[in-house]
Amino acid sequence: MDYYEILSLSNFYFEDSYVVSIIEPAGSITFELDAALTENHPQYEKPKQGEQYCYRKVLLRFFNTESVEWRAKKILEFVDSTGDLDYGNIDSFVRSDGAYNLSGDWGSVTIRGGEVEAVMMD
């Protein structure tokens, strides 16, 4: 199942969202994102000048997990046109056999069990 088939995540476009940080407290993992919103998101607005999408700060939280297993971890920094740093996009995000599998320039991780939510920060 692709992430956009999960109701709470259906109004995001993670392939064009930017990972700003990855936080790993015990039993969870959180991706801080400059998230691209789809036009169906309640906070969607026309994109700012020079931007392709409407972006908002979002915490993509996986909590009450059974395990977080990194298959590859390579935190490479990218600098955008405004000088802000990020770690690339979430290129792939699927759920299968009770696990969430995510990958991008920052690495690839399998998150088993637990729940996922997207929390708006602004």
PDB file of N, CA and C in Angstrom:
ATOM      1  N   MET A   1       0.847  -1.171   0.000  1.00  0.00           N
ATOM      2  CA  MET A   1       0.000   0.000   0.000  1.00  0.00           C
ATOM      3  C   MET A   1       0.895   1.237   0.000  1.00  0.00           C
ATOM      4  N   ASP A   2       0.640   2.145  -0.926  1.00  0.00           N
ATOM      5  CA  ASP A   2       1.369   3.408  -0.948  1.00  0.00           C
ATOM      6  C   ASP A   2       0.861   4.335   0.155  1.00  0.00           C
ATOM      7  N   TYR A   3       1.726   5.228   0.642  1.00  0.00           N
ATOM      8  CA  TYR A   3       1.373   6.097   1.764  1.00  0.00           C
ATOM      9  C   TYR A   3       0.102   6.900   1.509  1.00  0.00           C
ATOM     10  N   TYR A   4      -0.131   7.337   0.278  1.00  0.00           N
ATOM     11  CA  TYR A   4      -1.290   8.186  -0.008  1.00  0.00           C
ATOM     12  C   TYR A   4      -2.615   7.415   0.067  1.00  0.00           C
ATOM     13  N   GLU A   5      -2.532   6.091   0.229  1.00  0.00           N
ATOM     14  CA  GLU A   5      -3.732   5.294   0.459  1.00  0.00           C
ATOM     15  C   GLU A   5      -4.092   5.249   1.944  1.00  0.00           C
ATOM     16  N   ILE A   6      -3.230   5.770   2.803  1.00  0.00           N
ATOM     17  CA  ILE A   6      -3.504   5.909   4.234  1.00  0.00           C
ATOM     18  C   ILE A   6      -4.218   7.250   4.396  1.00  0.00           C
ATOM     19  N   LEU A   7      -5.446   7.232   4.873  1.00  0.00           N
ATOM     20  CA  LEU A   7      -6.295   8.420   4.902  1.00  0.00           C
ATOM     21  C   LEU A   7      -5.599   9.648   5.488  1.00  0.00           C
ATOM     22  N   SER A   8      -4.920   9.492   6.617  1.00  0.00           N
ATOM     23  CA  SER A   8      -4.298  10.637   7.288  1.00  0.00           C
ATOM     24  C   SER A   8      -3.109  11.218   6.512  1.00  0.00           C
ATOM     25  N   LEU A   9      -2.609  10.494   5.508  1.00  0.00           N
ATOM     26  CA  LEU A   9      -1.451  10.953   4.731  1.00  0.00           C
ATOM     27  C   LEU A   9      -1.816  11.272   3.277  1.00  0.00           C
ATOM     28  N   SER A  10      -3.075  11.143   2.941  1.00  0.00           N
ATOM     29  CA  SER A  10      -3.496  11.233   1.544  1.00  0.00           C
ATOM     30  C   SER A  10      -3.378  12.630   0.939  1.00  0.00           C
ATOM     31  N   ASN A  11      -3.227  13.649   1.757  1.00  0.00           N
ATOM     32  CA  ASN A  11      -3.159  15.019   1.242  1.00  0.00           C
ATOM     33  C   ASN A  11      -1.749  15.599   1.254  1.00  0.00           C
ATOM     34  N   PHE A  12      -0.752  14.696   1.248  1.00  0.00           N
ATOM     35  CA  PHE A  12       0.655  15.100   1.186  1.00  0.00           C
ATOM     36  C   PHE A  12       1.288  14.505  -0.057  1.00  0.00           C
ATOM     37  N   TYR A  13       2.334  15.158  -0.517  1.00  0.00           N
ATOM     38  CA  TYR A  13       3.115  14.651  -1.639  1.00  0.00           C
ATOM     39  C   TYR A  13       4.552  14.560  -1.148  1.00  0.00           C
ATOM     40  N   PHE A  14       4.911  13.416  -0.538  1.00  0.00           N
ATOM     41  CA  PHE A  14       6.207  13.272   0.111  1.00  0.00           C
ATOM     42  C   PHE A  14       7.382  13.199  -0.862  1.00  0.00           C
ATOM     43  N   GLU A  15       7.134  12.803  -2.110  1.00  0.00           N
ATOM     44  CA  GLU A  15       8.221  12.734  -3.082  1.00  0.00           C
ATOM     45  C   GLU A  15       8.813  14.110  -3.383  1.00  0.00           C
ATOM     46  N   ASP A  16       8.053  15.184  -3.171  1.00  0.00           N
ATOM     47  CA  ASP A  16       8.563  16.544  -3.346  1.00  0.00           C
ATOM     48  C   ASP A  16       8.605  17.318  -2.037  1.00  0.00           C
ATOM     49  N   SER A  17       8.566  16.599  -0.919  1.00  0.00           N
ATOM     50  CA  SER A  17       8.745  17.200   0.402  1.00  0.00           C
ATOM     51  C   SER A  17      10.214  17.056   0.780  1.00  0.00           C
ATOM     52  N   TYR A  18      10.689  17.917   1.650  1.00  0.00           N
ATOM     53  CA  TYR A  18      12.103  17.921   2.028  1.00  0.00           C
ATOM     54  C   TYR A  18      12.277  17.507   3.480  1.00  0.00           C
ATOM     55  N   VAL A  19      13.168  16.547   3.717  1.00  0.00           N
ATOM     56  CA  VAL A  19      13.489  16.095   5.069  1.00  0.00           C
ATOM     57  C   VAL A  19      14.451  17.108   5.679  1.00  0.00           C
ATOM     58  N   VAL A  20      14.026  17.728   6.778  1.00  0.00           N
ATOM     59  CA  VAL A  20      14.831  18.747   7.455  1.00  0.00           C
ATOM     60  C   VAL A  20      15.630  18.131   8.598  1.00  0.00           C
ATOM     61  N   SER A  21      15.034  17.147   9.275  1.00  0.00           N
ATOM     62  CA  SER A  21      15.754  16.432  10.333  1.00  0.00           C
ATOM     63  C   SER A  21      15.071  15.090  10.572  1.00  0.00           C
ATOM     64  N   ILE A  22      15.821  14.186  11.201  1.00  0.00           N
ATOM     65  CA  ILE A  22      15.307  12.875  11.592  1.00  0.00           C
ATOM     66  C   ILE A  22      15.610  12.716  13.072  1.00  0.00           C
ATOM     67  N   ILE A  23      14.558  12.486  13.848  1.00  0.00           N
ATOM     68  CA  ILE A  23      14.673  12.391  15.302  1.00  0.00           C
ATOM     69  C   ILE A  23      14.287  10.966  15.694  1.00  0.00           C
ATOM     70  N   GLU A  24      15.102  10.335  16.562  1.00  0.00           N
ATOM     71  CA  GLU A  24      14.869   8.929  16.901  1.00  0.00           C
ATOM     72  C   GLU A  24      14.818   8.683  18.402  1.00  0.00           C
ATOM     73  N   PRO A  25      13.770   9.165  19.076  1.00  0.00           N
ATOM     74  CA  PRO A  25      13.631   8.777  20.482  1.00  0.00           C
ATOM     75  C   PRO A  25      13.236   7.305  20.575  1.00  0.00           C
ATOM     76  N   ALA A  26      13.372   6.710  21.742  1.00  0.00           N
ATOM     77  CA  ALA A  26      13.078   5.272  21.914  1.00  0.00           C
ATOM     78  C   ALA A  26      11.656   4.945  21.469  1.00  0.00           C
ATOM     79  N   GLY A  27      11.529   3.881  20.689  1.00  0.00           N
ATOM     80  CA  GLY A  27      10.218   3.399  20.272  1.00  0.00           C
ATOM     81  C   GLY A  27       9.541   4.209  19.197  1.00  0.00           C
ATOM     82  N   SER A  28      10.279   5.135  18.566  1.00  0.00           N
ATOM     83  CA  SER A  28       9.658   5.951  17.531  1.00  0.00           C
ATOM     84  C   SER A  28      10.718   6.548  16.617  1.00  0.00           C
ATOM     85  N   ILE A  29      10.239   7.132  15.534  1.00  0.00           N
ATOM     86  CA  ILE A  29      11.096   7.902  14.640  1.00  0.00           C
ATOM     87  C   ILE A  29      10.232   9.015  14.053  1.00  0.00           C
ATOM     88  N   THR A  30      10.809  10.205  13.948  1.00  0.00           N
ATOM     89  CA  THR A  30      10.081  11.363  13.434  1.00  0.00           C
ATOM     90  C   THR A  30      10.906  12.030  12.350  1.00  0.00           C
ATOM     91  N   PHE A  31      10.253  12.296  11.227  1.00  0.00           N
ATOM     92  CA  PHE A  31      10.854  13.056  10.138  1.00  0.00           C
ATOM     93  C   PHE A  31      10.264  14.451  10.183  1.00  0.00           C
ATOM     94  N   GLU A  32      11.118  15.462  10.367  1.00  0.00           N
ATOM     95  CA  GLU A  32      10.659  16.842  10.264  1.00  0.00           C
ATOM     96  C   GLU A  32      10.761  17.219   8.794  1.00  0.00           C
ATOM     97  N   LEU A  33       9.656  17.686   8.235  1.00  0.00           N
ATOM     98  CA  LEU A  33       9.574  17.932   6.795  1.00  0.00           C
ATOM     99  C   LEU A  33       9.136  19.343   6.461  1.00  0.00           C
ATOM    100  N   ASP A  34       9.612  19.829   5.337  1.00  0.00           N
ATOM    101  CA  ASP A  34       8.949  20.900   4.611  1.00  0.00           C
ATOM    102  C   ASP A  34       8.089  20.131   3.619  1.00  0.00           C
ATOM    103  N   ALA A  35       6.834  19.890   3.992  1.00  0.00           N
ATOM    104  CA  ALA A  35       5.975  18.968   3.263  1.00  0.00           C
ATOM    105  C   ALA A  35       5.173  19.678   2.180  1.00  0.00           C
ATOM    106  N   ALA A  36       5.122  19.044   1.022  1.00  0.00           N
ATOM    107  CA  ALA A  36       4.282  19.524  -0.079  1.00  0.00           C
ATOM    108  C   ALA A  36       2.860  19.044   0.173  1.00  0.00           C
ATOM    109  N   LEU A  37       1.926  19.988   0.149  1.00  0.00           N
ATOM    110  CA  LEU A  37       0.518  19.660   0.351  1.00  0.00           C
ATOM    111  C   LEU A  37      -0.175  19.511  -0.999  1.00  0.00           C
ATOM    112  N   THR A  38      -1.121  18.591  -1.073  1.00  0.00           N
ATOM    113  CA  THR A  38      -1.937  18.500  -2.279  1.00  0.00           C
ATOM    114  C   THR A  38      -3.036  19.557  -2.198  1.00  0.00           C
ATOM    115  N   GLU A  39      -3.690  19.811  -3.297  1.00  0.00           N
ATOM    116  CA  GLU A  39      -4.764  20.813  -3.327  1.00  0.00           C
ATOM    117  C   GLU A  39      -5.936  20.421  -2.442  1.00  0.00           C
ATOM    118  N   ASN A  40      -6.048  19.149  -2.054  1.00  0.00           N
ATOM    119  CA  ASN A  40      -7.139  18.691  -1.192  1.00  0.00           C
ATOM    120  C   ASN A  40      -6.869  18.900   0.293  1.00  0.00           C
ATOM    121  N   HIS A  41      -5.647  19.293   0.652  1.00  0.00           N
ATOM    122  CA  HIS A  41      -5.326  19.506   2.067  1.00  0.00           C
ATOM    123  C   HIS A  41      -6.038  20.762   2.558  1.00  0.00           C
ATOM    124  N   PRO A  42      -6.624  20.729   3.763  1.00  0.00           N
ATOM    125  CA  PRO A  42      -7.359  21.902   4.267  1.00  0.00           C
ATOM    126  C   PRO A  42      -6.499  23.157   4.430  1.00  0.00           C
ATOM    127  N   GLN A  43      -5.181  23.025   4.574  1.00  0.00           N
ATOM    128  CA  GLN A  43      -4.317  24.197   4.721  1.00  0.00           C
ATOM    129  C   GLN A  43      -3.617  24.576   3.415  1.00  0.00           C
ATOM    130  N   TYR A  44      -4.020  23.967   2.327  1.00  0.00           N
ATOM    131  CA  TYR A  44      -3.416  24.270   1.024  1.00  0.00           C
ATOM    132  C   TYR A  44      -3.693  25.723   0.639  1.00  0.00           C
ATOM    133  N   GLU A  45      -2.669  26.362   0.130  1.00  0.00           N
ATOM    134  CA  GLU A  45      -2.771  27.705  -0.447  1.00  0.00           C
ATOM    135  C   GLU A  45      -2.003  27.693  -1.748  1.00  0.00           C
ATOM    136  N   LYS A  46      -2.251  28.657  -2.581  1.00  0.00           N
ATOM    137  CA  LYS A  46      -1.515  28.782  -3.837  1.00  0.00           C
ATOM    138  C   LYS A  46      -0.018  28.851  -3.506  1.00  0.00           C
ATOM    139  N   PRO A  47       0.826  28.118  -4.258  1.00  0.00           N
ATOM    140  CA  PRO A  47       2.267  28.135  -3.967  1.00  0.00           C
ATOM    141  C   PRO A  47       2.851  29.551  -4.009  1.00  0.00           C
ATOM    142  N   LYS A  48       3.860  29.772  -3.178  1.00  0.00           N
ATOM    143  CA  LYS A  48       4.550  31.064  -3.147  1.00  0.00           C
ATOM    144  C   LYS A  48       5.310  31.276  -4.451  1.00  0.00           C
ATOM    145  N   GLN A  49       5.633  32.508  -4.709  1.00  0.00           N
ATOM    146  CA  GLN A  49       6.399  32.852  -5.907  1.00  0.00           C
ATOM    147  C   GLN A  49       7.664  32.005  -5.989  1.00  0.00           C
ATOM    148  N   GLY A  50       7.881  31.368  -7.116  1.00  0.00           N
ATOM    149  CA  GLY A  50       9.072  30.563  -7.330  1.00  0.00           C
ATOM    150  C   GLY A  50       8.988  29.149  -6.797  1.00  0.00           C
ATOM    151  N   GLU A  51       7.862  28.767  -6.183  1.00  0.00           N
ATOM    152  CA  GLU A  51       7.694  27.414  -5.658  1.00  0.00           C
ATOM    153  C   GLU A  51       6.656  26.663  -6.481  1.00  0.00           C
ATOM    154  N   GLN A  52       6.862  25.368  -6.607  1.00  0.00           N
ATOM    155  CA  GLN A  52       5.952  24.526  -7.376  1.00  0.00           C
ATOM    156  C   GLN A  52       4.774  24.052  -6.533  1.00  0.00           C
ATOM    157  N   TYR A  53       4.988  23.916  -5.210  1.00  0.00           N
ATOM    158  CA  TYR A  53       3.972  23.382  -4.313  1.00  0.00           C
ATOM    159  C   TYR A  53       3.756  24.309  -3.131  1.00  0.00           C
ATOM    160  N   CYS A  54       2.656  24.064  -2.422  1.00  0.00           N
ATOM    161  CA  CYS A  54       2.402  24.703  -1.135  1.00  0.00           C
ATOM    162  C   CYS A  54       3.126  23.862  -0.088  1.00  0.00           C
ATOM    163  N   TYR A  55       4.057  24.471   0.643  1.00  0.00           N
ATOM    164  CA  TYR A  55       4.847  23.759   1.648  1.00  0.00           C
ATOM    165  C   TYR A  55       4.453  24.206   3.049  1.00  0.00           C
ATOM    166  N   ARG A  56       4.439  23.248   3.967  1.00  0.00           N
ATOM    167  CA  ARG A  56       4.201  23.507   5.382  1.00  0.00           C
ATOM    168  C   ARG A  56       5.144  22.632   6.205  1.00  0.00           C
ATOM    169  N   LYS A  57       5.500  23.122   7.383  1.00  0.00           N
ATOM    170  CA  LYS A  57       6.300  22.337   8.327  1.00  0.00           C
ATOM    171  C   LYS A  57       5.419  21.241   8.921  1.00  0.00           C
ATOM    172  N   VAL A  58       5.894  20.000   8.824  1.00  0.00           N
ATOM    173  CA  VAL A  58       5.128  18.842   9.281  1.00  0.00           C
ATOM    174  C   VAL A  58       6.064  17.879   9.993  1.00  0.00           C
ATOM    175  N   LEU A  59       5.560  17.260  11.057  1.00  0.00           N
ATOM    176  CA  LEU A  59       6.258  16.150  11.693  1.00  0.00           C
ATOM    177  C   LEU A  59       5.570  14.869  11.244  1.00  0.00           C
ATOM    178  N   LEU A  60       6.308  14.015  10.564  1.00  0.00           N
ATOM    179  CA  LEU A  60       5.818  12.700  10.170  1.00  0.00           C
ATOM    180  C   LEU A  60       6.301  11.749  11.249  1.00  0.00           C
ATOM    181  N   ARG A  61       5.380  11.366  12.149  1.00  0.00           N
ATOM    182  CA  ARG A  61       5.734  10.605  13.352  1.00  0.00           C
ATOM    183  C   ARG A  61       5.301   9.152  13.238  1.00  0.00           C
ATOM    184  N   PHE A  62       6.223   8.260  13.552  1.00  0.00           N
ATOM    185  CA  PHE A  62       5.933   6.838  13.704  1.00  0.00           C
ATOM    186  C   PHE A  62       6.145   6.540  15.182  1.00  0.00           C
ATOM    187  N   PHE A  63       5.108   6.063  15.874  1.00  0.00           N
ATOM    188  CA  PHE A  63       5.220   5.870  17.318  1.00  0.00           C
ATOM    189  C   PHE A  63       4.645   4.522  17.729  1.00  0.00           C
ATOM    190  N   ASN A  64       4.991   4.105  18.949  1.00  0.00           N
ATOM    191  CA  ASN A  64       4.626   2.782  19.469  1.00  0.00           C
ATOM    192  C   ASN A  64       5.117   1.676  18.533  1.00  0.00           C
ATOM    193  N   THR A  65       6.295   1.878  17.972  1.00  0.00           N
ATOM    194  CA  THR A  65       6.824   0.916  17.008  1.00  0.00           C
ATOM    195  C   THR A  65       7.419  -0.294  17.724  1.00  0.00           C
ATOM    196  N   GLU A  66       7.476  -1.410  16.988  1.00  0.00           N
ATOM    197  CA  GLU A  66       8.153  -2.601  17.493  1.00  0.00           C
ATOM    198  C   GLU A  66       9.655  -2.486  17.247  1.00  0.00           C
ATOM    199  N   SER A  67      10.011  -1.940  16.059  1.00  0.00           N
ATOM    200  CA  SER A  67      11.427  -1.762  15.748  1.00  0.00           C
ATOM    201  C   SER A  67      11.601  -0.734  14.633  1.00  0.00           C
ATOM    202  N   VAL A  68      12.772  -0.134  14.631  1.00  0.00           N
ATOM    203  CA  VAL A  68      13.200   0.776  13.562  1.00  0.00           C
ATOM    204  C   VAL A  68      14.530   0.225  13.067  1.00  0.00           C
ATOM    205  N   GLU A  69      14.529  -0.271  11.833  1.00  0.00           N
ATOM    206  CA  GLU A  69      15.714  -0.919  11.289  1.00  0.00           C
ATOM    207  C   GLU A  69      16.226  -0.145  10.081  1.00  0.00           C
ATOM    208  N   TRP A  70      17.399   0.424  10.222  1.00  0.00           N
ATOM    209  CA  TRP A  70      18.028   1.135   9.110  1.00  0.00           C
ATOM    210  C   TRP A  70      18.690   0.128   8.183  1.00  0.00           C
ATOM    211  N   ARG A  71      18.331   0.134   6.922  1.00  0.00           N
ATOM    212  CA  ARG A  71      18.995  -0.698   5.919  1.00  0.00           C
ATOM    213  C   ARG A  71      20.204   0.047   5.357  1.00  0.00           C
ATOM    214  N   ALA A  72      20.109   1.350   5.336  1.00  0.00           N
ATOM    215  CA  ALA A  72      21.211   2.233   4.920  1.00  0.00           C
ATOM    216  C   ALA A  72      20.948   3.583   5.573  1.00  0.00           C
ATOM    217  N   LYS A  73      21.997   4.231   6.031  1.00  0.00           N
ATOM    218  CA  LYS A  73      21.855   5.543   6.648  1.00  0.00           C
ATOM    219  C   LYS A  73      22.980   6.413   6.112  1.00  0.00           C
ATOM    220  N   LYS A  74      22.616   7.404   5.337  1.00  0.00           N
ATOM    221  CA  LYS A  74      23.625   8.282   4.745  1.00  0.00           C
ATOM    222  C   LYS A  74      23.063   9.702   4.723  1.00  0.00           C
ATOM    223  N   ILE A  75      23.326  10.399   5.770  1.00  0.00           N
ATOM    224  CA  ILE A  75      22.789  11.743   5.927  1.00  0.00           C
ATOM    225  C   ILE A  75      23.650  12.721   5.127  1.00  0.00           C
ATOM    226  N   LEU A  76      23.202  13.027   3.923  1.00  0.00           N
ATOM    227  CA  LEU A  76      23.879  13.982   3.045  1.00  0.00           C
ATOM    228  C   LEU A  76      23.094  15.283   3.050  1.00  0.00           C
ATOM    229  N   GLU A  77      23.782  16.395   3.234  1.00  0.00           N
ATOM    230  CA  GLU A  77      23.098  17.692   3.250  1.00  0.00           C
ATOM    231  C   GLU A  77      23.054  18.295   1.863  1.00  0.00           C
ATOM    232  N   PHE A  78      21.899  18.878   1.550  1.00  0.00           N
ATOM    233  CA  PHE A  78      21.717  19.633   0.318  1.00  0.00           C
ATOM    234  C   PHE A  78      21.375  21.058   0.698  1.00  0.00           C
ATOM    235  N   VAL A  79      21.778  22.011  -0.112  1.00  0.00           N
ATOM    236  CA  VAL A  79      21.479  23.417   0.130  1.00  0.00           C
ATOM    237  C   VAL A  79      20.554  23.889  -0.985  1.00  0.00           C
ATOM    238  N   ASP A  80      19.395  24.465  -0.587  1.00  0.00           N
ATOM    239  CA  ASP A  80      18.467  24.945  -1.608  1.00  0.00           C
ATOM    240  C   ASP A  80      18.821  26.369  -2.026  1.00  0.00           C
ATOM    241  N   SER A  81      18.025  26.923  -2.911  1.00  0.00           N
ATOM    242  CA  SER A  81      18.323  28.255  -3.469  1.00  0.00           C
ATOM    243  C   SER A  81      18.274  29.362  -2.431  1.00  0.00           C
ATOM    244  N   THR A  82      17.603  29.126  -1.283  1.00  0.00           N
ATOM    245  CA  THR A  82      17.534  30.137  -0.232  1.00  0.00           C
ATOM    246  C   THR A  82      18.631  29.948   0.817  1.00  0.00           C
ATOM    247  N   GLY A  83      19.446  28.897   0.653  1.00  0.00           N
ATOM    248  CA  GLY A  83      20.515  28.623   1.607  1.00  0.00           C
ATOM    249  C   GLY A  83      20.116  27.680   2.721  1.00  0.00           C
ATOM    250  N   ASP A  84      18.863  27.199   2.730  1.00  0.00           N
ATOM    251  CA  ASP A  84      18.411  26.265   3.752  1.00  0.00           C
ATOM    252  C   ASP A  84      18.952  24.868   3.463  1.00  0.00           C
ATOM    253  N   LEU A  85      19.249  24.126   4.544  1.00  0.00           N
ATOM    254  CA  LEU A  85      19.745  22.752   4.416  1.00  0.00           C
ATOM    255  C   LEU A  85      18.605  21.755   4.505  1.00  0.00           C
ATOM    256  N   ASP A  86      18.713  20.657   3.753  1.00  0.00           N
ATOM    257  CA  ASP A  86      17.795  19.541   3.899  1.00  0.00           C
ATOM    258  C   ASP A  86      18.542  18.268   3.519  1.00  0.00           C
ATOM    259  N   TYR A  87      17.870  17.134   3.714  1.00  0.00           N
ATOM    260  CA  TYR A  87      18.482  15.839   3.457  1.00  0.00           C
ATOM    261  C   TYR A  87      17.825  15.114   2.274  1.00  0.00           C
ATOM    262  N   GLY A  88      17.162  15.859   1.417  1.00  0.00           N
ATOM    263  CA  GLY A  88      16.507  15.267   0.260  1.00  0.00           C
ATOM    264  C   GLY A  88      15.061  14.941   0.533  1.00  0.00           C
ATOM    265  N   ASN A  89      14.480  14.114  -0.321  1.00  0.00           N
ATOM    266  CA  ASN A  89      13.057  13.790  -0.277  1.00  0.00           C
ATOM    267  C   ASN A  89      12.825  12.394   0.284  1.00  0.00           C
ATOM    268  N   ILE A  90      11.561  12.084   0.492  1.00  0.00           N
ATOM    269  CA  ILE A  90      11.148  10.710   0.747  1.00  0.00           C
ATOM    270  C   ILE A  90      10.749  10.167  -0.616  1.00  0.00           C
ATOM    271  N   ASP A  91      11.649   9.438  -1.242  1.00  0.00           N
ATOM    272  CA  ASP A  91      11.424   8.952  -2.602  1.00  0.00           C
ATOM    273  C   ASP A  91      10.453   7.782  -2.653  1.00  0.00           C
ATOM    274  N   SER A  92      10.439   6.971  -1.618  1.00  0.00           N
ATOM    275  CA  SER A  92       9.561   5.807  -1.571  1.00  0.00           C
ATOM    276  C   SER A  92       9.014   5.656  -0.156  1.00  0.00           C
ATOM    277  N   PHE A  93       7.705   5.395  -0.044  1.00  0.00           N
ATOM    278  CA  PHE A  93       7.050   5.230   1.246  1.00  0.00           C
ATOM    279  C   PHE A  93       5.881   4.270   1.021  1.00  0.00           C
ATOM    280  N   VAL A  94       6.092   3.015   1.394  1.00  0.00           N
ATOM    281  CA  VAL A  94       5.054   1.998   1.228  1.00  0.00           C
ATOM    282  C   VAL A  94       4.878   1.221   2.525  1.00  0.00           C
ATOM    283  N   ARG A  95       3.692   0.656   2.661  1.00  0.00           N
ATOM    284  CA  ARG A  95       3.407  -0.199   3.809  1.00  0.00           C
ATOM    285  C   ARG A  95       3.104  -1.590   3.286  1.00  0.00           C
ATOM    286  N   SER A  96       3.799  -2.579   3.835  1.00  0.00           N
ATOM    287  CA  SER A  96       3.526  -3.962   3.463  1.00  0.00           C
ATOM    288  C   SER A  96       3.862  -4.871   4.635  1.00  0.00           C
ATOM    289  N   ASP A  97       3.071  -5.890   4.816  1.00  0.00           N
ATOM    290  CA  ASP A  97       3.285  -6.889   5.877  1.00  0.00           C
ATOM    291  C   ASP A  97       3.469  -6.247   7.253  1.00  0.00           C
ATOM    292  N   GLY A  98       2.679  -5.202   7.549  1.00  0.00           N
ATOM    293  CA  GLY A  98       2.731  -4.573   8.865  1.00  0.00           C
ATOM    294  C   GLY A  98       3.919  -3.666   9.102  1.00  0.00           C
ATOM    295  N   ALA A  99       4.692  -3.376   8.047  1.00  0.00           N
ATOM    296  CA  ALA A  99       5.876  -2.516   8.193  1.00  0.00           C
ATOM    297  C   ALA A  99       5.793  -1.353   7.212  1.00  0.00           C
ATOM    298  N   TYR A 100       6.339  -0.226   7.630  1.00  0.00           N
ATOM    299  CA  TYR A 100       6.485   0.939   6.761  1.00  0.00           C
ATOM    300  C   TYR A 100       7.914   0.924   6.224  1.00  0.00           C
ATOM    301  N   ASN A 101       8.072   1.051   4.918  1.00  0.00           N
ATOM    302  CA  ASN A 101       9.391   1.086   4.288  1.00  0.00           C
ATOM    303  C   ASN A 101       9.564   2.437   3.617  1.00  0.00           C
ATOM    304  N   LEU A 102      10.563   3.192   4.058  1.00  0.00           N
ATOM    305  CA  LEU A 102      10.831   4.515   3.515  1.00  0.00           C
ATOM    306  C   LEU A 102      12.261   4.571   3.011  1.00  0.00           C
ATOM    307  N   SER A 103      12.476   5.344   1.944  1.00  0.00           N
ATOM    308  CA  SER A 103      13.836   5.542   1.457  1.00  0.00           C
ATOM    309  C   SER A 103      13.941   6.887   0.763  1.00  0.00           C
ATOM    310  N   GLY A 104      15.173   7.365   0.696  1.00  0.00           N
ATOM    311  CA  GLY A 104      15.488   8.633   0.047  1.00  0.00           C
ATOM    312  C   GLY A 104      16.983   8.835   0.061  1.00  0.00           C
ATOM    313  N   ASP A 105      17.423  10.046  -0.275  1.00  0.00           N
ATOM    314  CA  ASP A 105      18.851  10.352  -0.255  1.00  0.00           C
ATOM    315  C   ASP A 105      19.462  10.150   1.125  1.00  0.00           C
ATOM    316  N   TRP A 106      18.668  10.248   2.168  1.00  0.00           N
ATOM    317  CA  TRP A 106      19.104  10.130   3.555  1.00  0.00           C
ATOM    318  C   TRP A 106      19.298   8.675   3.982  1.00  0.00           C
ATOM    319  N   GLY A 107      18.797   7.709   3.195  1.00  0.00           N
ATOM    320  CA  GLY A 107      18.953   6.294   3.519  1.00  0.00           C
ATOM    321  C   GLY A 107      17.665   5.537   3.298  1.00  0.00           C
ATOM    322  N   SER A 108      17.570   4.367   3.936  1.00  0.00           N
ATOM    323  CA  SER A 108      16.342   3.572   3.869  1.00  0.00           C
ATOM    324  C   SER A 108      16.113   2.916   5.221  1.00  0.00           C
ATOM    325  N   VAL A 109      14.842   2.869   5.622  1.00  0.00           N
ATOM    326  CA  VAL A 109      14.499   2.390   6.949  1.00  0.00           C
ATOM    327  C   VAL A 109      13.207   1.574   6.874  1.00  0.00           C
ATOM    328  N   THR A 110      13.135   0.538   7.699  1.00  0.00           N
ATOM    329  CA  THR A 110      11.916  -0.252   7.878  1.00  0.00           C
ATOM    330  C   THR A 110      11.432  -0.027   9.297  1.00  0.00           C
ATOM    331  N   ILE A 111      10.173   0.361   9.418  1.00  0.00           N
ATOM    332  CA  ILE A 111       9.564   0.632  10.721  1.00  0.00           C
ATOM    333  C   ILE A 111       8.468  -0.405  10.909  1.00  0.00           C
ATOM    334  N   ARG A 112       8.651  -1.282  11.881  1.00  0.00           N
ATOM    335  CA  ARG A 112       7.690  -2.368  12.109  1.00  0.00           C
ATOM    336  C   ARG A 112       6.714  -1.993  13.221  1.00  0.00           C
ATOM    337  N   GLY A 113       5.445  -2.278  12.946  1.00  0.00           N
ATOM    338  CA  GLY A 113       4.401  -2.033  13.930  1.00  0.00           C
ATOM    339  C   GLY A 113       4.175  -0.551  14.171  1.00  0.00           C
ATOM    340  N   GLY A 114       3.340  -0.269  15.131  1.00  0.00           N
ATOM    341  CA  GLY A 114       3.091   1.108  15.523  1.00  0.00           C
ATOM    342  C   GLY A 114       2.109   1.838  14.624  1.00  0.00           C
ATOM    343  N   GLU A 115       2.087   3.137  14.816  1.00  0.00           N
ATOM    344  CA  GLU A 115       1.159   4.006  14.112  1.00  0.00           C
ATOM    345  C   GLU A 115       1.932   5.148  13.456  1.00  0.00           C
ATOM    346  N   VAL A 116       1.293   5.795  12.477  1.00  0.00           N
ATOM    347  CA  VAL A 116       1.896   6.934  11.801  1.00  0.00           C
ATOM    348  C   VAL A 116       0.904   8.086  11.824  1.00  0.00           C
ATOM    349  N   GLU A 117       1.449   9.298  11.970  1.00  0.00           N
ATOM    350  CA  GLU A 117       0.620  10.497  11.882  1.00  0.00           C
ATOM    351  C   GLU A 117       1.453  11.634  11.325  1.00  0.00           C
ATOM    352  N   ALA A 118       0.759  12.571  10.707  1.00  0.00           N
ATOM    353  CA  ALA A 118       1.400  13.797  10.207  1.00  0.00           C
ATOM    354  C   ALA A 118       0.849  14.944  11.042  1.00  0.00           C
ATOM    355  N   VAL A 119       1.746  15.651  11.733  1.00  0.00           N
ATOM    356  CA  VAL A 119       1.353  16.735  12.637  1.00  0.00           C
ATOM    357  C   VAL A 119       1.830  18.058  12.033  1.00  0.00           C
ATOM    358  N   MET A 120       0.900  18.954  11.748  1.00  0.00           N
ATOM    359  CA  MET A 120       1.250  20.263  11.208  1.00  0.00           C
ATOM    360  C   MET A 120       1.920  21.093  12.291  1.00  0.00           C
ATOM    361  N   MET A 121       2.997  21.797  11.944  1.00  0.00           N
ATOM    362  CA  MET A 121       3.732  22.607  12.905  1.00  0.00           C
ATOM    363  C   MET A 121       3.384  24.091  12.803  1.00  0.00           C
ATOM    364  N   ASP A 122       2.837  24.518  11.678  1.00  0.00           N
ATOM    365  CA  ASP A 122       2.517  25.947  11.580  1.00  0.00           C
ATOM    366  C   ASP A 122       1.111  26.161  11.141  1.00  0.00           C
TER     367      ASP A 122
END
